[in-house]
Amino acid sequence: MTKRILIALTSHAELGRTGRSTGFYVSEAAHPWEVFTAAGYEVDLVSVAGGKAPQDGLDVDDPAQRRFLAETDVHDTMRPAQVDPSRYEAILFAGGHGTMWDFPENPALAELARAIYEDGGVVAAVCHGPAALVGITLSTGAALVAGKKVAAFTDAEEAAVKLTDVVPFSLAARLVEEGAEHVPGPDFAAQVIRDGRLVTGQNPASARGVAEQVLAALAA
């Protein structure tokens, strides 16, 4: 049986009212994709709206990012309604500032994550990707993150990139409101938290480590 992991991407391309573009941060999908495919997994892409997912932060000097864009369907992603969650062992929500607008409290994404998690799979997110965890409720009625330790892009990092007043909310604060314990690391250094079958990372530097911990959780 083919082993499959799903990577979810934002479809939001506008950075607030700045006139600047945004999207998914390419390395945060590419580096996990590289880890997963090297481990023998098939990786599929889903985005909020389907079709072409807007990109941000592309580093053309990174061979993993070049391979990812050349070998995946980033220009023709699935819509959540097209995804059968029973086919996937894990879902990873890639970051990028666009996620702050279309990931939180998204019923279609939340249902995919809930179904995969309650079937014994792993839910993971990196950088701003944990915005998808806002509003995911399990069949018990509890928030997925309630009582769990998580990492996510910090307020200090948001201030460092001068976007505190652009993003619609503080990601760390919203996760705490959902009942999570936010565990920050040093700014822009890798910080990966695995709490059972929930794996989260703080920033782009954490993407590869998140993927490695997803594999560890699947093997546990």
N, C-alpha and C. Protein backbone atom coordinates (compact mmCIF):
# COMPACT_ATOMS: atom_id res chain seq x y z
N MET A 1 0.85 -1.20 0.00
CA MET A 1 0.00 0.00 0.00
C MET A 1 0.89 1.24 0.00
N THR A 2 0.57 2.20 -0.85
CA THR A 2 1.34 3.42 -0.95
C THR A 2 1.19 4.27 0.31
N LYS A 3 2.31 4.73 0.83
CA LYS A 3 2.29 5.62 1.99
C LYS A 3 2.17 7.06 1.48
N ARG A 4 1.25 7.81 2.05
CA ARG A 4 1.00 9.17 1.54
C ARG A 4 0.95 10.19 2.68
N ILE A 5 1.48 11.36 2.37
CA ILE A 5 1.38 12.52 3.26
C ILE A 5 0.86 13.70 2.45
N LEU A 6 0.03 14.50 3.09
CA LEU A 6 -0.58 15.66 2.45
C LEU A 6 0.07 16.94 2.97
N ILE A 7 0.47 17.82 2.06
CA ILE A 7 0.96 19.15 2.45
C ILE A 7 -0.07 20.19 2.02
N ALA A 8 -0.49 21.01 2.98
CA ALA A 8 -1.52 22.02 2.72
C ALA A 8 -0.88 23.40 2.58
N LEU A 9 -1.37 24.14 1.58
CA LEU A 9 -0.82 25.45 1.23
C LEU A 9 -1.91 26.52 1.27
N THR A 10 -1.51 27.75 1.57
CA THR A 10 -2.43 28.87 1.50
C THR A 10 -2.76 29.22 0.05
N SER A 11 -3.92 29.83 -0.13
CA SER A 11 -4.30 30.40 -1.43
C SER A 11 -4.34 31.91 -1.38
N HIS A 12 -3.94 32.49 -0.24
CA HIS A 12 -4.06 33.93 -0.04
C HIS A 12 -2.79 34.63 -0.51
N ALA A 13 -2.94 35.59 -1.42
CA ALA A 13 -1.78 36.19 -2.09
C ALA A 13 -1.52 37.64 -1.74
N GLU A 14 -2.34 38.24 -0.87
CA GLU A 14 -2.18 39.67 -0.57
C GLU A 14 -1.77 39.85 0.88
N LEU A 15 -0.70 40.61 1.11
CA LEU A 15 -0.18 40.83 2.45
C LEU A 15 -0.90 42.01 3.08
N GLY A 16 -2.09 41.75 3.61
CA GLY A 16 -2.90 42.80 4.21
C GLY A 16 -3.19 43.91 3.23
N ARG A 17 -2.94 45.14 3.66
CA ARG A 17 -3.17 46.31 2.80
C ARG A 17 -1.85 46.95 2.38
N THR A 18 -0.79 46.16 2.41
CA THR A 18 0.53 46.71 2.10
C THR A 18 0.78 46.86 0.61
N GLY A 19 -0.04 46.20 -0.21
CA GLY A 19 0.21 46.18 -1.65
C GLY A 19 1.25 45.17 -2.04
N ARG A 20 1.77 44.44 -1.07
CA ARG A 20 2.78 43.41 -1.33
C ARG A 20 2.11 42.05 -1.47
N SER A 21 2.79 41.18 -2.21
CA SER A 21 2.25 39.83 -2.41
C SER A 21 2.77 38.90 -1.32
N THR A 22 2.05 37.83 -1.09
CA THR A 22 2.47 36.79 -0.18
C THR A 22 1.96 35.45 -0.71
N GLY A 23 2.00 34.43 0.12
CA GLY A 23 1.59 33.10 -0.29
C GLY A 23 2.19 32.09 0.66
N PHE A 24 2.44 30.88 0.15
CA PHE A 24 3.11 29.90 1.00
C PHE A 24 4.62 30.08 0.88
N TYR A 25 5.33 29.89 1.98
CA TYR A 25 6.79 30.04 1.98
C TYR A 25 7.38 28.77 1.41
N VAL A 26 8.03 28.89 0.27
CA VAL A 26 8.37 27.70 -0.53
C VAL A 26 9.22 26.70 0.25
N SER A 27 10.20 27.17 1.00
CA SER A 27 11.06 26.23 1.72
C SER A 27 10.29 25.40 2.74
N GLU A 28 9.20 25.95 3.26
CA GLU A 28 8.44 25.26 4.30
C GLU A 28 7.59 24.12 3.74
N ALA A 29 7.42 24.10 2.44
CA ALA A 29 6.83 22.94 1.77
C ALA A 29 7.91 22.06 1.16
N ALA A 30 8.93 22.71 0.57
CA ALA A 30 9.96 21.96 -0.17
C ALA A 30 10.81 21.09 0.74
N HIS A 31 11.23 21.61 1.86
CA HIS A 31 12.10 20.82 2.74
C HIS A 31 11.38 19.62 3.35
N PRO A 32 10.15 19.77 3.84
CA PRO A 32 9.41 18.58 4.25
C PRO A 32 9.15 17.61 3.10
N TRP A 33 8.80 18.14 1.95
CA TRP A 33 8.59 17.27 0.78
C TRP A 33 9.83 16.43 0.52
N GLU A 34 11.01 17.04 0.60
CA GLU A 34 12.25 16.30 0.36
C GLU A 34 12.44 15.20 1.41
N VAL A 35 12.18 15.52 2.67
CA VAL A 35 12.31 14.52 3.74
C VAL A 35 11.31 13.38 3.54
N PHE A 36 10.07 13.71 3.24
CA PHE A 36 9.04 12.69 3.09
C PHE A 36 9.29 11.78 1.89
N THR A 37 9.64 12.39 0.76
CA THR A 37 9.85 11.57 -0.43
C THR A 37 11.09 10.69 -0.28
N ALA A 38 12.11 11.20 0.40
CA ALA A 38 13.30 10.38 0.64
C ALA A 38 12.98 9.18 1.51
N ALA A 39 11.95 9.31 2.35
CA ALA A 39 11.54 8.21 3.22
C ALA A 39 10.54 7.27 2.54
N GLY A 40 10.25 7.51 1.27
CA GLY A 40 9.39 6.61 0.53
C GLY A 40 7.92 6.98 0.48
N TYR A 41 7.60 8.18 0.91
CA TYR A 41 6.21 8.62 0.89
C TYR A 41 5.86 9.31 -0.42
N GLU A 42 4.64 9.08 -0.88
CA GLU A 42 4.04 9.91 -1.92
C GLU A 42 3.49 11.16 -1.23
N VAL A 43 3.73 12.32 -1.82
CA VAL A 43 3.27 13.58 -1.22
C VAL A 43 2.34 14.29 -2.19
N ASP A 44 1.15 14.61 -1.70
CA ASP A 44 0.18 15.37 -2.49
C ASP A 44 0.01 16.76 -1.90
N LEU A 45 -0.43 17.69 -2.74
CA LEU A 45 -0.61 19.07 -2.32
C LEU A 45 -2.09 19.45 -2.38
N VAL A 46 -2.53 20.15 -1.35
CA VAL A 46 -3.88 20.70 -1.31
C VAL A 46 -3.74 22.17 -0.95
N SER A 47 -4.61 23.01 -1.48
CA SER A 47 -4.64 24.41 -1.06
C SER A 47 -6.08 24.82 -0.80
N VAL A 48 -6.25 25.93 -0.15
CA VAL A 48 -7.58 26.36 0.27
C VAL A 48 -8.53 26.47 -0.91
N ALA A 49 -8.08 27.07 -2.00
CA ALA A 49 -8.93 27.28 -3.16
C ALA A 49 -8.65 26.31 -4.30
N GLY A 50 -7.60 25.50 -4.17
CA GLY A 50 -7.21 24.63 -5.27
C GLY A 50 -6.52 25.42 -6.37
N GLY A 51 -6.01 24.71 -7.37
CA GLY A 51 -5.33 25.36 -8.48
C GLY A 51 -3.95 25.84 -8.09
N LYS A 52 -3.52 26.95 -8.68
CA LYS A 52 -2.18 27.47 -8.46
C LYS A 52 -2.07 28.13 -7.09
N ALA A 53 -1.11 27.69 -6.30
CA ALA A 53 -0.90 28.26 -4.98
C ALA A 53 0.14 29.38 -5.07
N PRO A 54 -0.15 30.56 -4.52
CA PRO A 54 0.80 31.67 -4.59
C PRO A 54 2.03 31.40 -3.73
N GLN A 55 3.19 31.82 -4.23
CA GLN A 55 4.46 31.52 -3.57
C GLN A 55 5.07 32.78 -2.94
N ASP A 56 5.87 32.52 -1.90
CA ASP A 56 6.62 33.59 -1.27
C ASP A 56 7.95 33.01 -0.81
N GLY A 57 8.97 33.86 -0.76
CA GLY A 57 10.25 33.47 -0.17
C GLY A 57 11.08 32.49 -0.97
N LEU A 58 10.82 32.38 -2.26
CA LEU A 58 11.56 31.41 -3.08
C LEU A 58 13.06 31.74 -3.11
N ASP A 59 13.87 30.72 -2.85
CA ASP A 59 15.32 30.82 -2.97
C ASP A 59 15.75 29.91 -4.11
N VAL A 60 16.04 30.49 -5.26
CA VAL A 60 16.36 29.68 -6.44
C VAL A 60 17.71 28.98 -6.31
N ASP A 61 18.49 29.38 -5.31
CA ASP A 61 19.78 28.71 -5.08
C ASP A 61 19.65 27.46 -4.21
N ASP A 62 18.45 27.19 -3.73
CA ASP A 62 18.19 26.02 -2.90
C ASP A 62 17.73 24.87 -3.81
N PRO A 63 18.54 23.81 -3.98
CA PRO A 63 18.15 22.73 -4.88
C PRO A 63 16.86 22.03 -4.47
N ALA A 64 16.58 21.97 -3.17
CA ALA A 64 15.34 21.33 -2.73
C ALA A 64 14.13 22.11 -3.22
N GLN A 65 14.22 23.44 -3.17
CA GLN A 65 13.09 24.24 -3.64
C GLN A 65 12.93 24.11 -5.15
N ARG A 66 14.04 24.07 -5.88
CA ARG A 66 13.94 23.91 -7.33
C ARG A 66 13.31 22.57 -7.69
N ARG A 67 13.72 21.52 -7.02
CA ARG A 67 13.16 20.19 -7.30
C ARG A 67 11.69 20.14 -6.94
N PHE A 68 11.36 20.71 -5.81
CA PHE A 68 9.96 20.71 -5.38
C PHE A 68 9.06 21.37 -6.42
N LEU A 69 9.46 22.53 -6.90
CA LEU A 69 8.64 23.24 -7.88
C LEU A 69 8.61 22.53 -9.22
N ALA A 70 9.68 21.80 -9.54
CA ALA A 70 9.73 21.09 -10.81
C ALA A 70 8.94 19.79 -10.79
N GLU A 71 8.85 19.17 -9.62
CA GLU A 71 8.32 17.81 -9.56
C GLU A 71 6.94 17.70 -8.91
N THR A 72 6.38 18.79 -8.41
CA THR A 72 5.06 18.72 -7.78
C THR A 72 4.03 19.49 -8.59
N ASP A 73 2.78 19.36 -8.16
CA ASP A 73 1.67 20.00 -8.85
C ASP A 73 1.28 21.32 -8.17
N VAL A 74 2.29 22.13 -7.84
CA VAL A 74 2.02 23.37 -7.12
C VAL A 74 1.17 24.33 -7.94
N HIS A 75 1.12 24.14 -9.26
CA HIS A 75 0.29 24.99 -10.11
C HIS A 75 -1.10 24.39 -10.32
N ASP A 76 -1.33 23.21 -9.77
CA ASP A 76 -2.64 22.56 -9.93
C ASP A 76 -2.95 21.74 -8.69
N THR A 77 -3.00 22.41 -7.53
CA THR A 77 -3.26 21.71 -6.28
C THR A 77 -4.73 21.31 -6.17
N MET A 78 -4.96 20.33 -5.34
CA MET A 78 -6.33 19.89 -5.07
C MET A 78 -7.04 20.88 -4.15
N ARG A 79 -8.37 20.91 -4.26
CA ARG A 79 -9.19 21.57 -3.25
C ARG A 79 -9.45 20.59 -2.12
N PRO A 80 -9.69 21.08 -0.90
CA PRO A 80 -9.94 20.16 0.21
C PRO A 80 -11.06 19.16 -0.07
N ALA A 81 -12.11 19.60 -0.79
CA ALA A 81 -13.23 18.70 -1.06
C ALA A 81 -12.84 17.53 -1.97
N GLN A 82 -11.71 17.65 -2.67
CA GLN A 82 -11.25 16.58 -3.55
C GLN A 82 -10.39 15.55 -2.83
N VAL A 83 -10.09 15.80 -1.57
CA VAL A 83 -9.16 14.97 -0.82
C VAL A 83 -9.91 13.91 0.00
N ASP A 84 -9.47 12.67 -0.10
CA ASP A 84 -9.96 11.59 0.76
C ASP A 84 -8.97 11.45 1.91
N PRO A 85 -9.30 11.93 3.11
CA PRO A 85 -8.33 11.92 4.19
C PRO A 85 -7.88 10.52 4.60
N SER A 86 -8.67 9.52 4.31
CA SER A 86 -8.30 8.16 4.71
C SER A 86 -7.08 7.64 3.95
N ARG A 87 -6.67 8.33 2.91
CA ARG A 87 -5.50 7.91 2.14
C ARG A 87 -4.19 8.40 2.74
N TYR A 88 -4.26 9.27 3.74
CA TYR A 88 -3.07 9.96 4.21
C TYR A 88 -2.74 9.61 5.67
N GLU A 89 -1.46 9.45 5.92
CA GLU A 89 -0.98 9.16 7.28
C GLU A 89 -0.69 10.44 8.05
N ALA A 90 -0.52 11.54 7.35
CA ALA A 90 -0.20 12.80 8.01
C ALA A 90 -0.60 13.96 7.10
N ILE A 91 -0.83 15.11 7.72
CA ILE A 91 -1.03 16.36 7.00
C ILE A 91 -0.09 17.39 7.61
N LEU A 92 0.60 18.13 6.76
CA LEU A 92 1.49 19.19 7.20
C LEU A 92 1.02 20.51 6.60
N PHE A 93 0.81 21.48 7.46
CA PHE A 93 0.40 22.82 7.03
C PHE A 93 1.64 23.68 6.89
N ALA A 94 2.04 23.96 5.64
CA ALA A 94 3.18 24.83 5.38
C ALA A 94 2.80 26.27 5.73
N GLY A 95 3.81 27.06 6.09
CA GLY A 95 3.56 28.44 6.48
C GLY A 95 3.66 29.41 5.32
N GLY A 96 4.00 30.63 5.66
CA GLY A 96 3.88 31.76 4.75
C GLY A 96 2.80 32.67 5.31
N HIS A 97 2.98 33.98 5.18
CA HIS A 97 2.05 34.90 5.82
C HIS A 97 0.62 34.77 5.29
N GLY A 98 0.45 34.28 4.07
CA GLY A 98 -0.89 34.13 3.54
C GLY A 98 -1.79 33.27 4.40
N THR A 99 -1.18 32.31 5.10
CA THR A 99 -1.97 31.39 5.93
C THR A 99 -2.74 32.11 7.02
N MET A 100 -2.26 33.27 7.43
CA MET A 100 -2.90 33.98 8.53
C MET A 100 -4.30 34.48 8.15
N TRP A 101 -4.58 34.53 6.86
CA TRP A 101 -5.89 34.98 6.41
C TRP A 101 -6.83 33.83 6.06
N ASP A 102 -6.32 32.74 5.47
CA ASP A 102 -7.28 31.72 5.01
C ASP A 102 -7.17 30.36 5.70
N PHE A 103 -6.20 30.17 6.59
CA PHE A 103 -6.12 28.90 7.33
C PHE A 103 -7.00 28.86 8.58
N PRO A 104 -7.07 29.92 9.39
CA PRO A 104 -7.78 29.80 10.67
C PRO A 104 -9.28 29.54 10.49
N GLU A 105 -9.80 28.64 11.30
CA GLU A 105 -11.22 28.35 11.33
C GLU A 105 -11.77 28.05 9.94
N ASN A 106 -10.95 27.35 9.15
CA ASN A 106 -11.36 26.94 7.81
C ASN A 106 -12.01 25.56 7.92
N PRO A 107 -13.31 25.43 7.71
CA PRO A 107 -13.99 24.16 7.97
C PRO A 107 -13.44 23.00 7.15
N ALA A 108 -13.10 23.26 5.89
CA ALA A 108 -12.63 22.18 5.03
C ALA A 108 -11.27 21.66 5.46
N LEU A 109 -10.34 22.58 5.77
CA LEU A 109 -9.04 22.16 6.25
C LEU A 109 -9.15 21.49 7.61
N ALA A 110 -9.98 22.05 8.47
CA ALA A 110 -10.15 21.48 9.82
C ALA A 110 -10.67 20.06 9.74
N GLU A 111 -11.59 19.80 8.82
CA GLU A 111 -12.14 18.45 8.70
C GLU A 111 -11.08 17.47 8.21
N LEU A 112 -10.23 17.89 7.28
CA LEU A 112 -9.14 17.01 6.83
C LEU A 112 -8.23 16.66 8.00
N ALA A 113 -7.82 17.67 8.75
CA ALA A 113 -6.91 17.44 9.86
C ALA A 113 -7.55 16.56 10.93
N ARG A 114 -8.80 16.86 11.26
CA ARG A 114 -9.48 16.07 12.28
C ARG A 114 -9.59 14.61 11.86
N ALA A 115 -9.97 14.37 10.61
CA ALA A 115 -10.14 13.00 10.14
C ALA A 115 -8.82 12.23 10.17
N ILE A 116 -7.74 12.88 9.72
CA ILE A 116 -6.44 12.21 9.71
C ILE A 116 -5.98 11.95 11.15
N TYR A 117 -6.16 12.92 12.03
CA TYR A 117 -5.72 12.77 13.41
C TYR A 117 -6.51 11.68 14.13
N GLU A 118 -7.81 11.68 13.95
CA GLU A 118 -8.64 10.71 14.66
C GLU A 118 -8.53 9.30 14.08
N ASP A 119 -7.92 9.21 12.91
CA ASP A 119 -7.64 7.90 12.33
C ASP A 119 -6.24 7.41 12.72
N GLY A 120 -5.61 8.11 13.66
CA GLY A 120 -4.30 7.71 14.15
C GLY A 120 -3.14 8.37 13.44
N GLY A 121 -3.43 9.34 12.57
CA GLY A 121 -2.38 10.02 11.82
C GLY A 121 -1.80 11.20 12.57
N VAL A 122 -0.88 11.88 11.88
CA VAL A 122 -0.14 12.99 12.47
C VAL A 122 -0.60 14.31 11.83
N VAL A 123 -0.74 15.33 12.65
CA VAL A 123 -1.01 16.69 12.18
C VAL A 123 0.23 17.52 12.50
N ALA A 124 0.72 18.24 11.50
CA ALA A 124 1.94 19.03 11.66
C ALA A 124 1.74 20.40 11.01
N ALA A 125 2.54 21.36 11.49
CA ALA A 125 2.47 22.71 10.94
C ALA A 125 3.76 23.43 11.27
N VAL A 126 4.14 24.37 10.39
CA VAL A 126 5.40 25.08 10.58
C VAL A 126 5.23 26.57 10.33
N CYS A 127 5.87 27.37 11.16
CA CYS A 127 5.94 28.83 11.04
C CYS A 127 4.57 29.47 11.22
N HIS A 128 3.94 30.00 10.16
CA HIS A 128 2.58 30.50 10.26
C HIS A 128 1.55 29.41 9.95
N GLY A 129 2.02 28.25 9.53
CA GLY A 129 1.11 27.14 9.26
C GLY A 129 0.24 26.75 10.45
N PRO A 130 0.73 26.89 11.71
CA PRO A 130 -0.14 26.59 12.84
C PRO A 130 -1.41 27.45 12.91
N ALA A 131 -1.51 28.47 12.06
CA ALA A 131 -2.79 29.19 11.97
C ALA A 131 -3.92 28.24 11.62
N ALA A 132 -3.60 27.15 10.91
CA ALA A 132 -4.62 26.16 10.56
C ALA A 132 -5.16 25.44 11.78
N LEU A 133 -4.38 25.41 12.87
CA LEU A 133 -4.81 24.71 14.07
C LEU A 133 -5.88 25.48 14.83
N VAL A 134 -6.02 26.76 14.51
CA VAL A 134 -7.05 27.58 15.15
C VAL A 134 -8.41 27.16 14.61
N GLY A 135 -9.23 26.60 15.47
CA GLY A 135 -10.56 26.20 15.05
C GLY A 135 -10.72 24.73 14.74
N ILE A 136 -9.66 23.93 14.87
CA ILE A 136 -9.80 22.49 14.67
C ILE A 136 -10.31 21.87 15.96
N THR A 137 -11.50 21.31 15.88
CA THR A 137 -12.15 20.69 17.03
C THR A 137 -12.31 19.20 16.79
N LEU A 138 -11.97 18.40 17.78
CA LEU A 138 -12.09 16.96 17.67
C LEU A 138 -13.53 16.53 17.92
N SER A 139 -13.81 15.26 17.67
CA SER A 139 -15.17 14.75 17.86
C SER A 139 -15.63 14.87 19.31
N THR A 140 -14.68 14.94 20.23
CA THR A 140 -15.01 15.11 21.64
C THR A 140 -15.49 16.52 21.97
N GLY A 141 -15.28 17.45 21.03
CA GLY A 141 -15.61 18.85 21.26
C GLY A 141 -14.43 19.67 21.72
N ALA A 142 -13.31 19.00 22.03
CA ALA A 142 -12.11 19.70 22.48
C ALA A 142 -11.32 20.22 21.30
N ALA A 143 -10.64 21.35 21.49
CA ALA A 143 -9.73 21.85 20.47
C ALA A 143 -8.56 20.89 20.32
N LEU A 144 -8.11 20.70 19.09
CA LEU A 144 -6.99 19.79 18.84
C LEU A 144 -5.77 20.16 19.68
N VAL A 145 -5.51 21.47 19.82
CA VAL A 145 -4.28 21.91 20.51
C VAL A 145 -4.46 22.02 22.02
N ALA A 146 -5.64 21.82 22.52
CA ALA A 146 -5.89 22.02 23.95
C ALA A 146 -4.99 21.10 24.78
N GLY A 147 -4.24 21.70 25.70
CA GLY A 147 -3.38 20.93 26.57
C GLY A 147 -2.09 20.45 25.94
N LYS A 148 -1.81 20.90 24.72
CA LYS A 148 -0.61 20.44 24.01
C LYS A 148 0.41 21.58 23.88
N LYS A 149 1.67 21.20 23.86
CA LYS A 149 2.74 22.17 23.61
C LYS A 149 2.89 22.37 22.11
N VAL A 150 3.06 23.61 21.71
CA VAL A 150 3.20 23.94 20.29
C VAL A 150 4.29 24.98 20.08
N ALA A 151 4.83 24.99 18.88
CA ALA A 151 5.71 26.05 18.41
C ALA A 151 5.02 26.76 17.25
N ALA A 152 5.30 28.02 17.08
CA ALA A 152 4.75 28.80 15.97
C ALA A 152 5.55 30.09 15.87
N PHE A 153 5.41 30.78 14.75
CA PHE A 153 6.08 32.08 14.57
C PHE A 153 5.74 32.97 15.75
N THR A 154 6.76 33.55 16.36
CA THR A 154 6.56 34.28 17.61
C THR A 154 6.25 35.75 17.38
N ASP A 155 5.75 36.39 18.41
CA ASP A 155 5.52 37.83 18.34
C ASP A 155 6.83 38.58 18.09
N ALA A 156 7.91 38.10 18.69
CA ALA A 156 9.21 38.75 18.51
C ALA A 156 9.67 38.65 17.06
N GLU A 157 9.46 37.50 16.45
CA GLU A 157 9.83 37.32 15.05
C GLU A 157 8.95 38.18 14.14
N GLU A 158 7.65 38.27 14.47
CA GLU A 158 6.75 39.11 13.69
C GLU A 158 7.19 40.57 13.75
N ALA A 159 7.60 41.00 14.94
CA ALA A 159 8.10 42.37 15.09
C ALA A 159 9.39 42.57 14.30
N ALA A 160 10.22 41.54 14.28
CA ALA A 160 11.51 41.66 13.57
C ALA A 160 11.31 41.83 12.08
N VAL A 161 10.25 41.23 11.52
CA VAL A 161 9.99 41.39 10.08
C VAL A 161 9.02 42.54 9.82
N LYS A 162 8.69 43.28 10.89
CA LYS A 162 7.89 44.51 10.81
C LYS A 162 6.48 44.25 10.24
N LEU A 163 5.87 43.15 10.68
CA LEU A 163 4.53 42.83 10.20
C LEU A 163 3.52 42.66 11.34
N THR A 164 3.90 43.09 12.54
CA THR A 164 2.99 42.96 13.68
C THR A 164 1.65 43.64 13.41
N ASP A 165 1.69 44.80 12.78
CA ASP A 165 0.46 45.56 12.54
C ASP A 165 -0.20 45.21 11.21
N VAL A 166 0.37 44.25 10.50
CA VAL A 166 -0.18 43.83 9.21
C VAL A 166 -0.99 42.54 9.35
N VAL A 167 -0.46 41.58 10.09
CA VAL A 167 -1.18 40.31 10.27
C VAL A 167 -2.44 40.55 11.09
N PRO A 168 -3.47 39.74 10.86
CA PRO A 168 -4.76 39.99 11.51
C PRO A 168 -4.79 39.68 13.00
N PHE A 169 -3.80 38.91 13.50
CA PHE A 169 -3.77 38.60 14.93
C PHE A 169 -2.40 38.03 15.27
N SER A 170 -2.14 37.92 16.58
CA SER A 170 -0.93 37.27 17.07
C SER A 170 -1.16 35.76 17.04
N LEU A 171 -0.37 35.06 16.26
CA LEU A 171 -0.55 33.62 16.13
C LEU A 171 -0.33 32.92 17.47
N ALA A 172 0.74 33.27 18.16
CA ALA A 172 1.02 32.64 19.45
C ALA A 172 -0.14 32.85 20.42
N ALA A 173 -0.65 34.07 20.47
CA ALA A 173 -1.73 34.36 21.41
C ALA A 173 -3.00 33.57 21.07
N ARG A 174 -3.30 33.44 19.79
CA ARG A 174 -4.51 32.69 19.41
C ARG A 174 -4.39 31.22 19.76
N LEU A 175 -3.20 30.66 19.61
CA LEU A 175 -3.01 29.25 19.97
C LEU A 175 -3.18 29.06 21.47
N VAL A 176 -2.69 30.02 22.25
CA VAL A 176 -2.88 29.96 23.70
C VAL A 176 -4.36 30.05 24.05
N GLU A 177 -5.09 30.90 23.34
CA GLU A 177 -6.54 31.01 23.55
C GLU A 177 -7.25 29.69 23.28
N GLU A 178 -6.69 28.90 22.36
CA GLU A 178 -7.27 27.59 22.04
C GLU A 178 -6.90 26.53 23.08
N GLY A 179 -6.07 26.91 24.04
CA GLY A 179 -5.71 25.98 25.09
C GLY A 179 -4.33 25.38 24.97
N ALA A 180 -3.55 25.85 23.98
CA ALA A 180 -2.20 25.33 23.78
C ALA A 180 -1.21 26.01 24.71
N GLU A 181 -0.07 25.37 24.91
CA GLU A 181 1.06 25.99 25.58
C GLU A 181 2.09 26.33 24.52
N HIS A 182 2.27 27.61 24.24
CA HIS A 182 3.21 28.03 23.22
C HIS A 182 4.62 28.03 23.79
N VAL A 183 5.53 27.34 23.11
CA VAL A 183 6.91 27.19 23.59
C VAL A 183 7.84 27.86 22.60
N PRO A 184 8.22 29.12 22.83
CA PRO A 184 9.07 29.83 21.88
C PRO A 184 10.54 29.48 22.04
N GLY A 185 11.25 29.48 20.93
CA GLY A 185 12.70 29.36 20.94
C GLY A 185 13.33 30.67 20.52
N PRO A 186 14.64 30.73 20.37
CA PRO A 186 15.31 31.95 19.91
C PRO A 186 14.81 32.36 18.53
N ASP A 187 14.81 33.65 18.28
CA ASP A 187 14.33 34.17 17.00
C ASP A 187 15.05 33.51 15.83
N PHE A 188 14.26 32.99 14.91
CA PHE A 188 14.71 32.47 13.61
C PHE A 188 15.66 31.27 13.72
N ALA A 189 15.75 30.68 14.90
CA ALA A 189 16.49 29.43 15.07
C ALA A 189 15.49 28.27 15.07
N ALA A 190 15.95 27.10 14.66
CA ALA A 190 15.06 25.94 14.59
C ALA A 190 14.47 25.63 15.96
N GLN A 191 13.16 25.46 16.00
CA GLN A 191 12.45 25.08 17.23
C GLN A 191 11.30 24.17 16.82
N VAL A 192 11.41 22.90 17.17
CA VAL A 192 10.40 21.90 16.80
C VAL A 192 9.86 21.27 18.08
N ILE A 193 8.54 21.21 18.17
CA ILE A 193 7.88 20.61 19.32
C ILE A 193 7.00 19.45 18.84
N ARG A 194 7.24 18.29 19.41
CA ARG A 194 6.38 17.14 19.13
C ARG A 194 5.64 16.77 20.41
N ASP A 195 4.32 16.82 20.35
CA ASP A 195 3.49 16.45 21.49
C ASP A 195 2.53 15.37 21.01
N GLY A 196 2.92 14.12 21.21
CA GLY A 196 2.12 13.02 20.69
C GLY A 196 2.13 13.03 19.17
N ARG A 197 0.94 13.10 18.58
CA ARG A 197 0.82 13.10 17.11
C ARG A 197 0.58 14.50 16.56
N LEU A 198 0.98 15.51 17.34
CA LEU A 198 0.97 16.90 16.87
C LEU A 198 2.41 17.40 16.84
N VAL A 199 2.85 17.85 15.67
CA VAL A 199 4.22 18.33 15.49
C VAL A 199 4.17 19.74 14.94
N THR A 200 4.88 20.66 15.60
CA THR A 200 4.87 22.05 15.14
C THR A 200 6.28 22.63 15.16
N GLY A 201 6.50 23.60 14.29
CA GLY A 201 7.79 24.27 14.18
C GLY A 201 7.61 25.77 14.12
N GLN A 202 8.63 26.49 14.59
CA GLN A 202 8.49 27.93 14.82
C GLN A 202 8.68 28.79 13.58
N ASN A 203 9.50 28.38 12.64
CA ASN A 203 9.93 29.29 11.57
C ASN A 203 10.51 28.48 10.41
N PRO A 204 10.93 29.12 9.33
CA PRO A 204 11.46 28.36 8.19
C PRO A 204 12.59 27.41 8.55
N ALA A 205 13.43 27.81 9.50
CA ALA A 205 14.56 26.96 9.89
C ALA A 205 14.09 25.65 10.53
N SER A 206 12.83 25.59 10.91
CA SER A 206 12.28 24.42 11.60
C SER A 206 11.63 23.41 10.65
N ALA A 207 11.51 23.75 9.37
CA ALA A 207 10.70 22.94 8.46
C ALA A 207 11.22 21.52 8.31
N ARG A 208 12.51 21.37 8.12
CA ARG A 208 13.06 20.03 7.94
C ARG A 208 12.91 19.20 9.23
N GLY A 209 13.15 19.84 10.36
CA GLY A 209 13.00 19.14 11.64
C GLY A 209 11.57 18.71 11.91
N VAL A 210 10.61 19.54 11.50
CA VAL A 210 9.21 19.16 11.64
C VAL A 210 8.94 17.88 10.85
N ALA A 211 9.41 17.85 9.62
CA ALA A 211 9.19 16.67 8.79
C ALA A 211 9.82 15.43 9.41
N GLU A 212 11.01 15.58 9.94
CA GLU A 212 11.70 14.45 10.58
C GLU A 212 10.91 13.96 11.79
N GLN A 213 10.33 14.87 12.54
CA GLN A 213 9.54 14.47 13.71
C GLN A 213 8.19 13.88 13.30
N VAL A 214 7.65 14.28 12.16
CA VAL A 214 6.44 13.62 11.63
C VAL A 214 6.76 12.16 11.38
N LEU A 215 7.89 11.88 10.73
CA LEU A 215 8.26 10.49 10.46
C LEU A 215 8.47 9.72 11.76
N ALA A 216 9.08 10.37 12.74
CA ALA A 216 9.28 9.72 14.03
C ALA A 216 7.96 9.40 14.71
N ALA A 217 7.01 10.32 14.63
CA ALA A 217 5.70 10.09 15.23
C ALA A 217 4.96 8.95 14.51
N LEU A 218 5.11 8.90 13.20
CA LEU A 218 4.47 7.82 12.44
C LEU A 218 5.07 6.47 12.77
N ALA A 219 6.35 6.47 13.09
CA ALA A 219 7.02 5.22 13.41
C ALA A 219 6.80 4.77 14.84
N ALA A 220 6.32 5.69 15.68
CA ALA A 220 6.18 5.38 17.11
C ALA A 220 5.04 4.39 17.35
